[in-house]
Amino acid sequence: MPSRERKGEFMEKMITLMDENSKILILHADHVGSNQFHKIRKSLRGLATVLMGKNTLMRKVVNEYVESHPGSPYSGVIDLLRGNVCFIFTNGDLGQVREVIDENRVPAAARAGVVAECDVIVPPGPTGCDPGQTSWFQALNVPTKISRGQIEIVSTLKLVEKGTRVGSSEAALLQKLNIRPFTYGLVLQTVYDNGAIFDAKVLDISEDDIANKFAGALRRFTAVSMAAGFPTLSAVPHYLGNAVRRMIAVCAETEIKIGEVGAAFDALFNMDPEELAKLQAAAAAAGGGGEETVEEEKEEEEEEEVDVGGGNLFGDDEGY
C-alpha cells in the first residue's frame, strides 16, 4: 500500500478516536519493543485503543482537527507531541488503564547511557569472577575479597543512583553479575480528560485522600469560624454541643432542673448503686481504663463504708 494511503488511513483513524473518546493518556515509549506493544494492545482490547505514529503526522492531524473545530481543547495536546510519544484513547477508568500499562512492564538489563529509573544496589556475595579481574572491581570502588578462588563482594554497594546515566563499566558489571535492575514499558506522562490537561501524578490521588483533605480543610474552616465568632453551617453543631455541655454543668452545680437534663440527673442520682457501678465500669472499659478504674472505684466504696462505720463508733453522745 502506498505511504500516502497509509497516512490517510492513519489520519482518519486518529480523527475518529478523537471524536469518540474524551480521554487521552500521553505516554513515552522508549525501549518498548513491538512484541511488548502487541501485548499491551491485547490487554487493553475493549477498554482503550493504543495509537502511535510519527509526531509530525500526529501534530498535523491535531492541527487540522482544531482548525475544523474552533475552540477545541485538543490544541493543548500539540505541545505534548515531543519525543517517542504514544497515545491511548479511552472513555473508561483511567486508573484501570494505568494498571494494565504497569502490569506489562518487562525486566531489562542496564545499558550504557540509559538514565537510571531507580537506585541500582549490588548485594554482597560471590561474583563468579576470577581473581585476575580484581583491578576492574577496584576501579568501580567495589569492596571485594578473594574467597575460594573467586572474587566476592564484601558489602552492599549502591552502584548507580536514580536519575543518573549508567556508565559502560557499571553496565558491564551488572551484566557479569546477571542483575537486571530496570523495567521497561510505557511511561505515563500526561493525561487529557474532557479538555483538562494534567500531570499523571494526579491519578495517584485516591478518593480517601480527597475525603481526608476535605475533612481537614473543613476542620480548619470550622476552627477559624468559632475563633472569630462568625457562625457558619459547619460550626453550628459545635455551638449547640458547647451550649448543652454548659447547661449540664450549670444543672450539676446548682441542682437546677431544666427539661430532660433534670430528668437525666434524677435518673442518675437515684440509680441503684450496683447499676451505677456497672455503667461506670462499662464506660471505663470503653475508654481503655477497664480493670484499674473498677478496682479504684471498689476501693473508694470500701473506704466510704469504713468511714461510715467509724462515725457510728466514735460519734456524739447520742450514739452511746
Protein backbone atom coordinates (compact mmCIF):
# COMPACT_ATOMS: atom_id res chain seq x y z
CA MET A 1 0.00 0.00 0.00
CA PRO A 2 1.46 3.43 -0.90
CA SER A 3 2.61 5.55 2.01
CA ARG A 4 0.12 8.29 1.09
CA GLU A 5 -2.80 5.90 1.54
CA ARG A 6 -1.40 4.69 4.84
CA LYS A 7 -1.11 8.25 6.06
CA GLY A 8 -4.71 8.89 5.01
CA GLU A 9 -5.95 5.84 6.92
CA PHE A 10 -3.93 6.84 9.96
CA MET A 11 -5.34 10.36 9.93
CA GLU A 12 -8.92 9.09 9.59
CA LYS A 13 -8.40 6.62 12.44
CA MET A 14 -6.95 9.29 14.74
CA ILE A 15 -9.76 11.76 13.97
CA THR A 16 -12.34 9.03 14.68
CA LEU A 17 -10.67 8.23 18.01
CA MET A 18 -10.62 11.92 18.94
CA ASP A 19 -14.35 12.20 18.17
CA GLU A 20 -15.35 9.01 20.02
CA ASN A 21 -13.16 9.32 23.13
CA SER A 22 -12.97 12.02 25.77
CA LYS A 23 -9.77 10.89 27.48
CA ILE A 24 -6.21 10.51 26.20
CA LEU A 25 -3.16 9.17 28.00
CA ILE A 26 0.10 10.56 26.63
CA LEU A 27 2.97 8.15 27.24
CA HIS A 28 6.67 7.85 26.39
CA ALA A 29 7.54 4.62 24.61
CA ASP A 30 11.32 4.50 24.94
CA HIS A 31 12.84 0.98 24.85
CA VAL A 32 9.43 -0.62 24.17
CA GLY A 33 9.59 -3.34 21.52
CA SER A 34 6.95 -4.38 19.01
CA ASN A 35 6.14 -7.60 20.89
CA GLN A 36 5.57 -5.67 24.10
CA PHE A 37 3.34 -3.22 22.21
CA HIS A 38 1.32 -6.14 20.89
CA LYS A 39 0.77 -7.48 24.42
CA ILE A 40 -0.32 -4.04 25.66
CA ARG A 41 -2.79 -3.65 22.79
CA LYS A 42 -4.18 -7.09 23.52
CA SER A 43 -4.56 -6.37 27.25
CA LEU A 44 -6.36 -3.07 26.56
CA ARG A 45 -8.74 -4.52 23.97
CA GLY A 46 -12.28 -3.40 24.73
CA LEU A 47 -11.05 -0.84 27.26
CA ALA A 48 -8.79 1.50 25.30
CA THR A 49 -7.06 1.95 21.93
CA VAL A 50 -3.32 2.40 21.51
CA LEU A 51 -2.16 4.72 18.73
CA MET A 52 1.40 5.53 17.78
CA GLY A 53 2.78 7.29 14.71
CA LYS A 54 5.20 9.95 13.60
CA ASN A 55 4.98 13.13 15.63
CA THR A 56 4.77 15.29 12.51
CA LEU A 57 1.79 13.35 11.22
CA MET A 58 0.03 13.30 14.61
CA ARG A 59 0.68 17.03 15.04
CA LYS A 60 -0.81 17.65 11.59
CA VAL A 61 -3.96 15.71 12.48
CA VAL A 62 -4.44 17.65 15.72
CA ASN A 63 -3.87 21.00 13.97
CA GLU A 64 -6.43 20.20 11.27
CA TYR A 65 -8.90 18.98 13.89
CA VAL A 66 -8.55 22.20 15.89
CA GLU A 67 -8.99 24.29 12.73
CA SER A 68 -12.18 22.43 11.85
CA HIS A 69 -13.40 22.65 15.46
CA PRO A 70 -12.69 26.21 16.66
CA GLY A 71 -12.15 26.44 20.40
CA SER A 72 -11.41 22.73 20.72
CA PRO A 73 -9.37 21.90 23.86
CA TYR A 74 -7.24 19.50 21.79
CA SER A 75 -5.00 22.48 20.97
CA GLY A 76 -3.19 21.87 24.27
CA VAL A 77 -2.15 18.40 23.11
CA ILE A 78 0.04 19.75 20.30
CA ASP A 79 2.84 20.85 22.63
CA LEU A 80 2.94 17.35 24.15
CA LEU A 81 3.95 15.69 20.88
CA ARG A 82 7.67 15.59 21.58
CA GLY A 83 9.94 12.59 21.73
CA ASN A 84 8.90 8.98 21.36
CA VAL A 85 5.22 9.57 22.20
CA CYS A 86 2.28 7.17 22.28
CA PHE A 87 -1.45 7.96 22.67
CA ILE A 88 -4.02 5.77 24.41
CA PHE A 89 -7.65 6.79 23.78
CA THR A 90 -10.36 5.68 26.19
CA ASN A 91 -13.71 6.52 27.75
CA GLY A 92 -13.17 4.16 30.67
CA ASP A 93 -11.49 4.41 34.03
CA LEU A 94 -8.03 5.97 33.73
CA GLY A 95 -6.82 4.13 36.81
CA GLN A 96 -7.74 0.78 35.31
CA VAL A 97 -5.91 1.63 32.07
CA ARG A 98 -2.82 2.61 34.03
CA GLU A 99 -2.89 -0.69 35.93
CA VAL A 100 -2.82 -2.59 32.64
CA ILE A 101 0.13 -0.48 31.47
CA ASP A 102 2.06 -1.12 34.70
CA GLU A 103 1.39 -4.85 34.51
CA ASN A 104 3.00 -5.02 31.07
CA ARG A 105 6.42 -3.76 32.12
CA VAL A 106 9.28 -6.18 31.48
CA PRO A 107 12.63 -6.51 33.30
CA ALA A 108 15.64 -5.28 31.37
CA ALA A 109 19.39 -5.05 31.76
CA ALA A 110 21.09 -1.73 32.40
CA ARG A 111 22.55 -0.39 29.18
CA ALA A 112 25.25 2.25 28.95
CA GLY A 113 23.89 5.77 28.58
CA VAL A 114 20.42 4.95 29.92
CA VAL A 115 19.04 7.15 32.71
CA ALA A 116 18.52 5.02 35.82
CA GLU A 117 14.85 4.84 36.84
CA CYS A 118 15.80 3.66 40.34
CA ASP A 119 18.83 3.16 42.59
CA VAL A 120 20.86 0.15 41.49
CA ILE A 121 22.04 -1.87 44.50
CA VAL A 122 24.64 -4.63 44.21
CA PRO A 123 24.25 -7.20 47.04
CA PRO A 124 27.21 -8.85 48.77
CA GLY A 125 28.24 -12.34 47.74
CA PRO A 126 30.33 -14.32 45.24
CA THR A 127 30.61 -12.94 41.71
CA GLY A 128 31.95 -15.94 39.83
CA CYS A 129 34.85 -13.82 38.51
CA ASP A 130 38.45 -14.99 38.78
CA PRO A 131 40.95 -13.04 40.93
CA GLY A 132 42.60 -11.61 37.83
CA GLN A 133 39.70 -9.14 37.46
CA THR A 134 40.22 -7.57 40.89
CA SER A 135 41.59 -4.34 39.43
CA TRP A 136 38.43 -3.91 37.39
CA PHE A 137 36.29 -4.09 40.55
CA GLN A 138 38.64 -1.68 42.32
CA ALA A 139 38.20 0.86 39.52
CA LEU A 140 34.47 0.86 40.31
CA ASN A 141 35.15 1.18 44.07
CA VAL A 142 33.52 -2.16 44.74
CA PRO A 143 34.68 -3.66 48.11
CA THR A 144 35.86 -7.21 47.37
CA LYS A 145 37.93 -10.08 48.72
CA ILE A 146 39.19 -13.37 47.35
CA SER A 147 37.24 -16.35 48.63
CA ARG A 148 37.51 -19.94 47.32
CA GLY A 149 39.29 -18.89 44.19
CA GLN A 150 36.83 -16.18 43.11
CA ILE A 151 36.07 -12.55 43.78
CA GLU A 152 33.43 -11.93 46.44
CA ILE A 153 31.71 -8.61 47.12
CA VAL A 154 32.07 -7.80 50.81
CA SER A 155 29.22 -5.34 51.46
CA THR A 156 26.16 -3.84 49.80
CA LEU A 157 27.01 -1.20 47.22
CA LYS A 158 24.89 1.48 45.56
CA LEU A 159 26.33 1.28 42.07
CA VAL A 160 24.07 3.74 40.23
CA GLU A 161 21.92 6.48 41.68
CA LYS A 162 18.42 7.19 40.42
CA GLY A 163 18.30 9.87 37.72
CA THR A 164 21.93 9.46 36.64
CA ARG A 165 23.18 7.83 33.44
CA VAL A 166 24.57 4.31 33.56
CA GLY A 167 28.23 4.15 32.57
CA SER A 168 29.78 1.47 30.40
CA SER A 169 31.71 -0.02 33.35
CA GLU A 170 28.61 -0.16 35.55
CA ALA A 171 26.61 -1.77 32.75
CA ALA A 172 29.34 -4.39 32.19
CA LEU A 173 29.48 -5.21 35.91
CA LEU A 174 25.71 -5.64 36.15
CA GLN A 175 25.81 -7.87 33.10
CA LYS A 176 28.54 -10.03 34.64
CA LEU A 177 26.52 -10.34 37.84
CA ASN A 178 23.36 -11.10 35.84
CA ILE A 179 21.49 -8.24 37.50
CA ARG A 180 18.57 -6.74 35.57
CA PRO A 181 17.65 -3.72 37.71
CA PHE A 182 15.29 -1.86 35.39
CA THR A 183 11.88 -2.48 33.90
CA TYR A 184 10.88 -1.06 30.54
CA GLY A 185 7.41 -0.19 29.36
CA LEU A 186 5.13 2.70 28.51
CA VAL A 187 5.67 5.61 30.88
CA LEU A 188 2.60 7.71 31.57
CA GLN A 189 3.44 11.42 31.45
CA THR A 190 0.30 13.49 30.89
CA VAL A 191 -3.47 12.98 30.89
CA TYR A 192 -6.10 14.72 28.78
CA ASP A 193 -9.58 14.42 30.29
CA ASN A 194 -12.52 16.29 28.73
CA GLY A 195 -10.42 19.31 27.87
CA ALA A 196 -8.36 19.34 31.09
CA ILE A 197 -4.66 18.52 30.82
CA PHE A 198 -2.81 17.49 33.97
CA ASP A 199 0.22 15.54 35.16
CA ALA A 200 -0.09 11.78 35.56
CA LYS A 201 0.71 12.07 39.29
CA VAL A 202 -2.86 13.27 39.82
CA LEU A 203 -4.04 9.71 39.20
CA ASP A 204 -2.22 8.65 42.38
CA ILE A 205 -4.76 10.61 44.43
CA SER A 206 -7.45 8.25 45.74
CA GLU A 207 -10.96 9.00 46.96
CA ASP A 208 -9.78 8.50 50.55
CA ASP A 209 -7.09 11.14 50.04
CA ILE A 210 -9.67 13.60 48.73
CA ALA A 211 -12.03 12.85 51.64
CA ASN A 212 -9.22 13.30 54.20
CA LYS A 213 -8.12 16.60 52.63
CA PHE A 214 -11.71 17.85 52.60
CA ALA A 215 -12.25 16.83 56.23
CA GLY A 216 -9.02 18.56 57.28
CA ALA A 217 -9.95 21.76 55.44
CA LEU A 218 -13.45 21.65 56.98
CA ARG A 219 -11.98 21.30 60.49
CA ARG A 220 -9.70 24.30 59.96
CA PHE A 221 -12.55 26.33 58.49
CA THR A 222 -14.75 25.48 61.48
CA ALA A 223 -11.98 26.37 63.95
CA VAL A 224 -11.49 29.77 62.31
CA SER A 225 -15.23 30.35 62.31
CA MET A 226 -15.55 29.60 66.02
CA ALA A 227 -12.45 31.60 66.96
CA ALA A 228 -13.75 34.62 65.04
CA GLY A 229 -17.25 34.26 66.48
CA PHE A 230 -18.72 34.08 63.00
CA PRO A 231 -21.33 31.30 62.86
CA THR A 232 -21.26 29.02 59.82
CA LEU A 233 -23.10 25.86 58.89
CA SER A 234 -20.16 23.66 59.93
CA ALA A 235 -19.76 25.46 63.28
CA VAL A 236 -23.42 25.31 64.37
CA PRO A 237 -23.23 21.70 65.71
CA HIS A 238 -20.22 22.67 67.84
CA TYR A 239 -22.03 25.74 69.18
CA LEU A 240 -25.01 23.57 70.14
CA GLY A 241 -22.79 20.92 71.71
CA ASN A 242 -20.92 23.50 73.80
CA ALA A 243 -24.20 25.07 74.91
CA VAL A 244 -25.60 21.72 76.03
CA ARG A 245 -22.41 20.91 77.97
CA ARG A 246 -22.53 24.29 79.74
CA MET A 247 -26.19 23.77 80.59
CA ILE A 248 -25.44 20.33 82.07
CA ALA A 249 -22.58 21.81 84.10
CA VAL A 250 -24.86 24.53 85.49
CA CYS A 251 -27.51 21.96 86.40
CA ALA A 252 -24.92 19.79 88.17
CA GLU A 253 -23.56 22.69 90.25
CA THR A 254 -26.83 24.46 91.11
CA GLU A 255 -29.20 21.46 91.17
CA ILE A 256 -31.48 23.37 88.80
CA LYS A 257 -33.56 21.01 86.70
CA ILE A 258 -34.05 22.04 83.11
CA GLY A 259 -36.24 19.82 80.99
CA GLU A 260 -34.73 16.47 80.00
CA VAL A 261 -31.41 17.37 81.63
CA GLY A 262 -33.07 17.43 85.05
CA ALA A 263 -34.77 14.12 84.37
CA ALA A 264 -31.44 12.62 83.37
CA PHE A 265 -29.85 13.86 86.61
CA ASP A 266 -32.71 12.42 88.67
CA ALA A 267 -32.33 9.07 86.97
CA LEU A 268 -28.57 9.18 87.52
CA PHE A 269 -28.60 10.17 91.20
CA ASN A 270 -31.49 7.86 92.11
CA MET A 271 -29.98 4.89 90.30
CA ASP A 272 -29.22 1.71 92.18
CA PRO A 273 -25.51 1.72 93.22
CA GLU A 274 -24.89 -1.62 91.55
CA GLU A 275 -26.33 -0.41 88.22
CA LEU A 276 -24.31 2.81 88.52
CA ALA A 277 -21.13 0.78 89.14
CA LYS A 278 -21.87 -1.32 86.04
CA LEU A 279 -22.32 1.80 83.91
CA GLN A 280 -19.08 3.28 85.24
CA ALA A 281 -17.22 0.02 84.58
CA ALA A 282 -18.57 -0.12 81.02
CA ALA A 283 -17.55 3.50 80.40
CA ALA A 284 -14.09 2.86 81.82
CA ALA A 285 -13.66 -0.25 79.66
CA ALA A 286 -14.69 1.71 76.56
CA GLY A 287 -12.13 4.38 77.42
CA GLY A 288 -9.36 1.81 77.82
CA GLY A 289 -9.07 2.13 81.57
CA GLY A 290 -11.08 -1.02 82.37
CA GLU A 291 -9.92 -3.08 85.33
CA GLU A 292 -7.85 -0.38 87.07
CA THR A 293 -10.80 2.03 87.17
CA VAL A 294 -13.12 -0.67 88.55
CA GLU A 295 -10.63 -1.56 91.26
CA GLU A 296 -10.21 2.11 92.22
CA GLU A 297 -13.99 2.51 92.46
CA LYS A 298 -14.25 -0.60 94.69
CA GLU A 299 -11.52 0.76 96.98
CA GLU A 300 -13.32 4.12 97.24
CA GLU A 301 -16.59 2.33 98.15
CA GLU A 302 -14.79 0.31 100.84
CA GLU A 303 -13.25 3.46 102.26
CA GLU A 304 -16.65 5.12 102.37
CA GLU A 305 -18.11 2.14 104.23
CA VAL A 306 -15.27 2.27 106.80
CA ASP A 307 -15.80 5.99 107.35
CA VAL A 308 -19.50 5.43 107.94
CA GLY A 309 -18.81 2.68 110.46
CA GLY A 310 -16.26 4.86 112.28
CA GLY A 311 -18.79 7.65 112.60
CA ASN A 312 -21.21 5.39 114.43
CA LEU A 313 -18.48 4.12 116.71
CA PHE A 314 -16.92 7.42 117.78
CA GLY A 315 -19.86 9.75 117.21
CA ASP A 316 -21.62 12.09 119.62
CA ASP A 317 -23.07 11.18 123.00
CA GLU A 318 -26.34 10.17 121.47
CA GLY A 319 -24.72 7.20 119.89
CA TYR A 320 -23.81 5.56 123.24
